[in-house]
C-alpha atoms as a PDB file:
ATOM      1  CA  MET A   1      14.680   4.352  -5.556  1.00  0.00           C
ATOM      2  CA  LYS A   2      15.592   8.136  -5.293  1.00  0.00           C
ATOM      3  CA  SER A   3      12.886   8.772  -7.968  1.00  0.00           C
ATOM      4  CA  LEU A   4       9.983   6.917  -5.881  1.00  0.00           C
ATOM      5  CA  ALA A   5      11.090   8.452  -2.785  1.00  0.00           C
ATOM      6  CA  CYS A   6      10.846  12.217  -4.695  1.00  0.00           C
ATOM      7  CA  ALA A   7       7.379  11.148  -6.510  1.00  0.00           C
ATOM      8  CA  LEU A   8       6.093  10.077  -3.184  1.00  0.00           C
ATOM      9  CA  ILE A   9       6.900  13.359  -1.446  1.00  0.00           C
ATOM     10  CA  LEU A  10       5.786  15.389  -4.329  1.00  0.00           C
ATOM     11  CA  LEU A  11       2.410  13.368  -4.190  1.00  0.00           C
ATOM     12  CA  THR A  12       1.862  13.578  -0.348  1.00  0.00           C
ATOM     13  CA  ALA A  13       2.729  17.406  -0.492  1.00  0.00           C
ATOM     14  CA  ALA A  14       0.023  17.765  -3.676  1.00  0.00           C
ATOM     15  CA  SER A  15      -2.512  15.452  -1.825  1.00  0.00           C
ATOM     16  CA  THR A  16      -2.345  17.563   1.276  1.00  0.00           C
ATOM     17  CA  ALA A  17      -2.614  21.054  -0.477  1.00  0.00           C
ATOM     18  CA  HIS A  18      -5.749  19.697  -2.551  1.00  0.00           C
ATOM     19  CA  ALA A  19      -7.471  17.449  -0.059  1.00  0.00           C
ATOM     20  CA  GLU A  20     -10.667  18.003  -2.097  1.00  0.00           C
ATOM     21  CA  ASP A  21      -9.187  16.422  -5.212  1.00  0.00           C
ATOM     22  CA  ALA A  22      -9.546  12.790  -5.988  1.00  0.00           C
ATOM     23  CA  SER A  23      -6.294  11.734  -4.564  1.00  0.00           C
ATOM     24  CA  PRO A  24      -5.526   8.481  -2.615  1.00  0.00           C
ATOM     25  CA  PRO A  25      -6.747   9.131   0.912  1.00  0.00           C
ATOM     26  CA  GLY A  26      -4.962   7.819   3.912  1.00  0.00           C
ATOM     27  CA  ARG A  27      -2.031   5.703   3.715  1.00  0.00           C
ATOM     28  CA  ILE A  28       0.122   4.790   0.353  1.00  0.00           C
ATOM     29  CA  ILE A  29       0.690   0.823   0.922  1.00  0.00           C
ATOM     30  CA  ASP A  30       2.965   0.310  -2.023  1.00  0.00           C
ATOM     31  CA  ALA A  31       4.160   2.172  -5.167  1.00  0.00           C
ATOM     32  CA  ALA A  32       5.511   1.327  -8.534  1.00  0.00           C
ATOM     33  CA  ILE A  33       7.140   3.173 -11.303  1.00  0.00           C
ATOM     34  CA  GLY A  34       6.908   2.559 -14.880  1.00  0.00           C
ATOM     35  CA  ASP A  35       5.587   3.703 -18.271  1.00  0.00           C
ATOM     36  CA  TRP A  36       2.033   2.495 -18.527  1.00  0.00           C
ATOM     37  CA  ASN A  37       1.308   4.353 -21.724  1.00  0.00           C
ATOM     38  CA  LYS A  38       4.639   3.956 -23.523  1.00  0.00           C
ATOM     39  CA  ASP A  39       4.830   7.615 -24.038  1.00  0.00           C
ATOM     40  CA  GLY A  40       8.960   7.435 -22.712  1.00  0.00           C
ATOM     41  CA  LYS A  41       8.126   9.399 -19.439  1.00  0.00           C
ATOM     42  CA  PRO A  42       7.835   7.502 -15.833  1.00  0.00           C
ATOM     43  CA  ASP A  43       4.325   6.905 -14.547  1.00  0.00           C
ATOM     44  CA  LEU A  44       3.050   6.187 -11.086  1.00  0.00           C
ATOM     45  CA  ALA A  45       0.856   3.592  -9.363  1.00  0.00           C
ATOM     46  CA  LEU A  46      -0.140   3.307  -5.965  1.00  0.00           C
ATOM     47  CA  LEU A  47      -1.970   1.043  -3.321  1.00  0.00           C
ATOM     48  CA  ALA A  48      -3.312   3.176  -0.683  1.00  0.00           C
ATOM     49  CA  ALA A  49      -5.471   2.425   2.431  1.00  0.00           C
ATOM     50  CA  PRO A  50      -8.365   4.714   3.347  1.00  0.00           C
ATOM     51  CA  PRO A  51      -8.039   7.142   6.616  1.00  0.00           C
ATOM     52  CA  ALA A  52      -8.076   5.184  10.123  1.00  0.00           C
ATOM     53  CA  GLY A  53     -11.636   3.700  10.984  1.00  0.00           C
ATOM     54  CA  ASP A  54     -12.510   2.852   7.651  1.00  0.00           C
ATOM     55  CA  ASP A  55     -13.301  -0.951   8.098  1.00  0.00           C
ATOM     56  CA  ALA A  56     -14.445  -1.835   4.500  1.00  0.00           C
ATOM     57  CA  ASP A  57     -14.026  -5.554   3.468  1.00  0.00           C
ATOM     58  CA  ASN A  58     -11.551  -4.531   0.607  1.00  0.00           C
ATOM     59  CA  PRO A  59      -9.911  -1.256   2.292  1.00  0.00           C
ATOM     60  CA  ILE A  60      -7.010  -0.828  -0.332  1.00  0.00           C
ATOM     61  CA  GLY A  61      -7.491   1.524  -3.644  1.00  0.00           C
ATOM     62  CA  ILE A  62      -5.713   1.539  -6.474  1.00  0.00           C
ATOM     63  CA  TYR A  63      -4.472   4.783  -8.095  1.00  0.00           C
ATOM     64  CA  ILE A  64      -2.540   5.480 -11.199  1.00  0.00           C
ATOM     65  CA  TYR A  65      -0.989   8.543 -12.488  1.00  0.00           C
ATOM     66  CA  LEU A  66       0.555   9.398 -15.649  1.00  0.00           C
ATOM     67  CA  ARG A  67       2.110  12.047 -16.944  1.00  0.00           C
ATOM     68  CA  ASP A  68       0.650  15.266 -18.501  1.00  0.00           C
ATOM     69  CA  ASP A  69       1.538  15.231 -22.450  1.00  0.00           C
ATOM     70  CA  GLU A  70       2.397  19.006 -22.030  1.00  0.00           C
ATOM     71  CA  HIS A  71       3.828  19.149 -18.852  1.00  0.00           C
ATOM     72  CA  SER A  72       6.083  16.815 -16.349  1.00  0.00           C
ATOM     73  CA  LEU A  73       3.679  16.479 -13.555  1.00  0.00           C
ATOM     74  CA  LEU A  74       1.553  13.300 -12.602  1.00  0.00           C
ATOM     75  CA  LYS A  75      -2.204  13.320 -13.251  1.00  0.00           C
ATOM     76  CA  LEU A  76      -4.397  10.891 -11.510  1.00  0.00           C
ATOM     77  CA  VAL A  77      -6.223   8.955 -14.219  1.00  0.00           C
ATOM     78  CA  ALA A  78      -7.341   5.985 -12.711  1.00  0.00           C
ATOM     79  CA  SER A  79      -8.941   5.928  -9.134  1.00  0.00           C
ATOM     80  CA  ALA A  80     -10.563   2.492  -7.737  1.00  0.00           C
ATOM     81  CA  PRO A  81     -11.064   2.601  -4.152  1.00  0.00           C
ATOM     82  CA  HIS A  82     -11.488  -0.358  -2.183  1.00  0.00           C
ATOM     83  CA  LYS A  83     -10.593  -3.062  -4.798  1.00  0.00           C
ATOM     84  CA  ILE A  84      -7.651  -4.895  -2.612  1.00  0.00           C
ATOM     85  CA  TRP A  85      -7.765  -7.152   0.675  1.00  0.00           C
ATOM     86  CA  GLY A  86      -4.918  -7.023   2.850  1.00  0.00           C
ATOM     87  CA  SER A  87      -2.766  -5.875   6.076  1.00  0.00           C
ATOM     88  CA  VAL A  88      -2.579  -2.039   6.150  1.00  0.00           C
ATOM     89  CA  GLU A  89      -0.943  -1.741   9.340  1.00  0.00           C
ATOM     90  CA  PRO A  90       2.908  -1.319   9.100  1.00  0.00           C
ATOM     91  CA  GLY A  91       3.296  -3.579  11.763  1.00  0.00           C
ATOM     92  CA  GLY A  92       0.333  -5.659  10.376  1.00  0.00           C
ATOM     93  CA  ILE A  93       0.059  -9.724   9.942  1.00  0.00           C
ATOM     94  CA  VAL A  94       3.201 -11.048   7.687  1.00  0.00           C
ATOM     95  CA  GLY A  95       1.714 -13.037   4.792  1.00  0.00           C
ATOM     96  CA  GLN A  96      -1.185 -10.606   4.288  1.00  0.00           C
ATOM     97  CA  GLU A  97       0.703  -7.573   2.464  1.00  0.00           C
ATOM     98  CA  PRO A  98      -0.412  -6.647  -0.644  1.00  0.00           C
ATOM     99  CA  SER A  99       2.044  -5.304  -3.372  1.00  0.00           C
ATOM    100  CA  ILE A 100       2.029  -3.597  -6.607  1.00  0.00           C
ATOM    101  CA  SER A 101       5.136  -3.856  -9.289  1.00  0.00           C
ATOM    102  CA  ALA A 102       5.705  -2.930 -12.900  1.00  0.00           C
ATOM    103  CA  LEU A 103       6.068  -5.602 -15.214  1.00  0.00           C
ATOM    104  CA  PRO A 104       8.569  -5.480 -18.223  1.00  0.00           C
ATOM    105  CA  ASN A 105       6.129  -5.185 -20.461  1.00  0.00           C
ATOM    106  CA  GLY A 106       4.431  -2.189 -19.271  1.00  0.00           C
ATOM    107  CA  SER A 107       1.592  -3.599 -17.218  1.00  0.00           C
ATOM    108  CA  ILE A 108       1.059  -3.594 -13.665  1.00  0.00           C
ATOM    109  CA  SER A 109       1.030  -6.251 -11.337  1.00  0.00           C
ATOM    110  CA  ILE A 110      -1.146  -6.061  -8.228  1.00  0.00           C
ATOM    111  CA  VAL A 111      -0.880  -9.019  -5.648  1.00  0.00           C
ATOM    112  CA  SER A 112      -2.752  -9.684  -2.472  1.00  0.00           C
ATOM    113  CA  GLN A 113      -2.640 -12.689  -0.431  1.00  0.00           C
ATOM    114  CA  ASN A 114      -3.603 -14.755   2.747  1.00  0.00           C
ATOM    115  CA  ASP A 115      -0.409 -16.804   3.623  1.00  0.00           C
ATOM    116  CA  SER A 116      -0.601 -16.617   7.310  1.00  0.00           C
ATOM    117  CA  ILE A 117      -3.717 -17.397   9.052  1.00  0.00           C
ATOM    118  CA  GLY A 118      -6.388 -20.161   8.658  1.00  0.00           C
ATOM    119  CA  ARG A 119      -5.793 -23.373   6.735  1.00  0.00           C
ATOM    120  CA  ASP A 120      -7.096 -21.911   3.448  1.00  0.00           C
ATOM    121  CA  ARG A 121      -4.081 -19.886   2.038  1.00  0.00           C
ATOM    122  CA  TRP A 122      -4.403 -18.084  -1.426  1.00  0.00           C
ATOM    123  CA  THR A 123      -2.613 -15.627  -3.563  1.00  0.00           C
ATOM    124  CA  GLN A 124      -4.254 -13.628  -6.106  1.00  0.00           C
ATOM    125  CA  THR A 125      -2.860 -11.298  -9.155  1.00  0.00           C
ATOM    126  CA  LEU A 126      -4.521  -8.782 -10.857  1.00  0.00           C
ATOM    127  CA  THR A 127      -2.688  -7.514 -13.982  1.00  0.00           C
ATOM    128  CA  LEU A 128      -3.550  -4.278 -15.392  1.00  0.00           C
ATOM    129  CA  ALA A 129      -2.895  -3.211 -19.062  1.00  0.00           C
ATOM    130  CA  TYR A 130      -3.359   0.640 -20.721  1.00  0.00           C
ATOM    131  CA  ARG A 131      -5.802   0.201 -23.602  1.00  0.00           C
ATOM    132  CA  ASN A 132      -7.770   2.779 -25.231  1.00  0.00           C
ATOM    133  CA  ASN A 133      -6.824   5.261 -22.569  1.00  0.00           C
ATOM    134  CA  SER A 134      -8.294   3.518 -19.664  1.00  0.00           C
ATOM    135  CA  PHE A 135      -6.620   1.048 -17.357  1.00  0.00           C
ATOM    136  CA  VAL A 136      -8.133  -2.681 -18.055  1.00  0.00           C
ATOM    137  CA  VAL A 137      -7.804  -5.935 -15.775  1.00  0.00           C
ATOM    138  CA  ALA A 138      -5.892  -7.878 -18.623  1.00  0.00           C
ATOM    139  CA  GLY A 139      -5.688 -10.979 -16.295  1.00  0.00           C
ATOM    140  CA  TYR A 140      -6.558 -12.520 -12.978  1.00  0.00           C
ATOM    141  CA  THR A 141      -4.609 -15.372 -11.468  1.00  0.00           C
ATOM    142  CA  TYR A 142      -5.757 -17.171  -7.985  1.00  0.00           C
ATOM    143  CA  GLU A 143      -3.811 -19.893  -6.418  1.00  0.00           C
ATOM    144  CA  SER A 144      -4.910 -21.593  -3.207  1.00  0.00           C
ATOM    145  CA  HIS A 145      -3.902 -24.395  -0.956  1.00  0.00           C
ATOM    146  CA  ASP A 146      -5.085 -25.907   2.404  1.00  0.00           C
ATOM    147  CA  THR A 147      -2.339 -26.553   4.840  1.00  0.00           C
ATOM    148  CA  LEU A 148      -4.285 -29.774   6.195  1.00  0.00           C
ATOM    149  CA  ASN A 149      -4.788 -31.083   3.131  1.00  0.00           C
ATOM    150  CA  PRO A 150      -2.216 -30.541   0.410  1.00  0.00           C
ATOM    151  CA  GLU A 151      -4.056 -32.448  -2.453  1.00  0.00           C
ATOM    152  CA  GLU A 152      -6.602 -29.658  -2.432  1.00  0.00           C
ATOM    153  CA  SER A 153      -4.204 -27.228  -4.212  1.00  0.00           C
ATOM    154  CA  HIS A 154      -5.556 -25.409  -7.115  1.00  0.00           C
ATOM    155  CA  SER A 155      -4.509 -22.544  -9.533  1.00  0.00           C
ATOM    156  CA  CYS A 156      -6.409 -20.773 -12.097  1.00  0.00           C
ATOM    157  CA  ASP A 157      -4.977 -18.298 -14.768  1.00  0.00           C
ATOM    158  CA  TYR A 158      -7.511 -16.314 -16.481  1.00  0.00           C
ATOM    159  CA  ASN A 159      -6.946 -13.966 -19.321  1.00  0.00           C
ATOM    160  CA  VAL A 160      -9.625 -11.523 -19.224  1.00  0.00           C
ATOM    161  CA  LEU A 161      -8.771 -10.135 -22.757  1.00  0.00           C
ATOM    162  CA  THR A 162      -9.189 -13.471 -24.468  1.00  0.00           C
ATOM    163  CA  GLY A 163     -11.262 -15.432 -21.921  1.00  0.00           C
ATOM    164  CA  LYS A 164      -8.667 -18.466 -22.070  1.00  0.00           C
ATOM    165  CA  VAL A 165      -8.319 -20.145 -18.785  1.00  0.00           C
ATOM    166  CA  THR A 166      -6.139 -22.453 -17.464  1.00  0.00           C
ATOM    167  CA  LYS A 167      -7.283 -24.184 -14.282  1.00  0.00           C
ATOM    168  CA  ASP A 168      -5.385 -26.988 -12.806  1.00  0.00           C
ATOM    169  CA  GLY A 169      -3.292 -27.542 -15.871  1.00  0.00           C
ATOM    170  CA  LYS A 170      -6.235 -27.677 -18.089  1.00  0.00           C
ATOM    171  CA  ASN A 171      -7.115 -25.362 -20.586  1.00  0.00           C
ATOM    172  CA  LEU A 172     -10.823 -24.006 -20.497  1.00  0.00           C
ATOM    173  CA  LYS A 173     -12.726 -20.883 -22.010  1.00  0.00           C
ATOM    174  CA  ALA A 174     -14.582 -18.219 -20.230  1.00  0.00           C
ATOM    175  CA  GLU A 175     -15.936 -14.912 -21.379  1.00  0.00           C
ATOM    176  CA  ALA A 176     -13.783 -12.460 -22.918  1.00  0.00           C
ATOM    177  CA  LEU A 177     -14.334  -9.113 -21.212  1.00  0.00           C
ATOM    178  CA  ASN A 178     -12.760  -5.485 -21.488  1.00  0.00           C
ATOM    179  CA  VAL A 179     -13.069  -4.142 -17.764  1.00  0.00           C
ATOM    180  CA  THR A 180     -11.502  -1.099 -16.285  1.00  0.00           C
ATOM    181  CA  ILE A 181     -10.203  -1.460 -12.990  1.00  0.00           C
ATOM    182  CA  GLN A 182     -12.928   1.002 -11.718  1.00  0.00           C
ATOM    183  CA  ASP A 183     -15.254  -1.510 -12.709  1.00  0.00           C
ATOM    184  CA  TRP A 184     -13.867  -4.737 -11.975  1.00  0.00           C
ATOM    185  CA  GLN A 185     -14.882  -7.160  -9.074  1.00  0.00           C
ATOM    186  CA  ASP A 186     -12.801 -10.205  -7.911  1.00  0.00           C
ATOM    187  CA  ASP A 187     -16.219 -12.528  -8.478  1.00  0.00           C
ATOM    188  CA  VAL A 188     -15.837 -11.912 -12.275  1.00  0.00           C
ATOM    189  CA  GLY A 189     -12.344 -13.749 -11.980  1.00  0.00           C
ATOM    190  CA  GLN A 190     -13.697 -16.289  -9.497  1.00  0.00           C
ATOM    191  CA  LYS A 191     -16.607 -16.967 -11.413  1.00  0.00           C
ATOM    192  CA  ALA A 192     -14.612 -17.480 -14.737  1.00  0.00           C
ATOM    193  CA  CYS A 193     -12.371 -20.139 -12.770  1.00  0.00           C
ATOM    194  CA  ASP A 194     -15.357 -22.028 -11.289  1.00  0.00           C
ATOM    195  CA  SER A 195     -17.403 -22.245 -14.715  1.00  0.00           C
ATOM    196  CA  GLY A 196     -14.831 -22.012 -17.465  1.00  0.00           C
ATOM    197  CA  LYS A 197     -15.566 -24.944 -19.788  1.00  0.00           C
END
């Protein structure tokens, strides 16, 4: 936990000093530390919201840092603004907070959700993997349920790299893709879940 706090303090100081660089704007929502490129050094992944007043549909960006080969400094290697939907205010709506975490295999899990408003509740998870010097979307999982009609519950898990889809317990097939987080759009995963055969 101390290393995360130190990393965030250093990152904030660096971001302030080099505002013209492609560093995450606004407010840090969540952070994860892991060894994304498996070089034995701790790396950093952030969810960050833009400055107040930016009312984009997907207000939260994903920013991933790796350690430099020759130095112990973090370097921004993936910047994907406006990728995740969710509450960005510290006192925002419970059940709409996004999160980012490190998985034991070195991948990154990013969760967005609506588990608080309306009858249509959902949770979406993106799994990112480091492949060929870039961060690709390896997995897309979407679960939904209707609070007034419990029979209208659905789940879909799409292995983006292989094209394997498991929808409501049935194995289906969709297109296998190699898509970086910068180029990813959620409708790619939704289409695979809707039309996998």
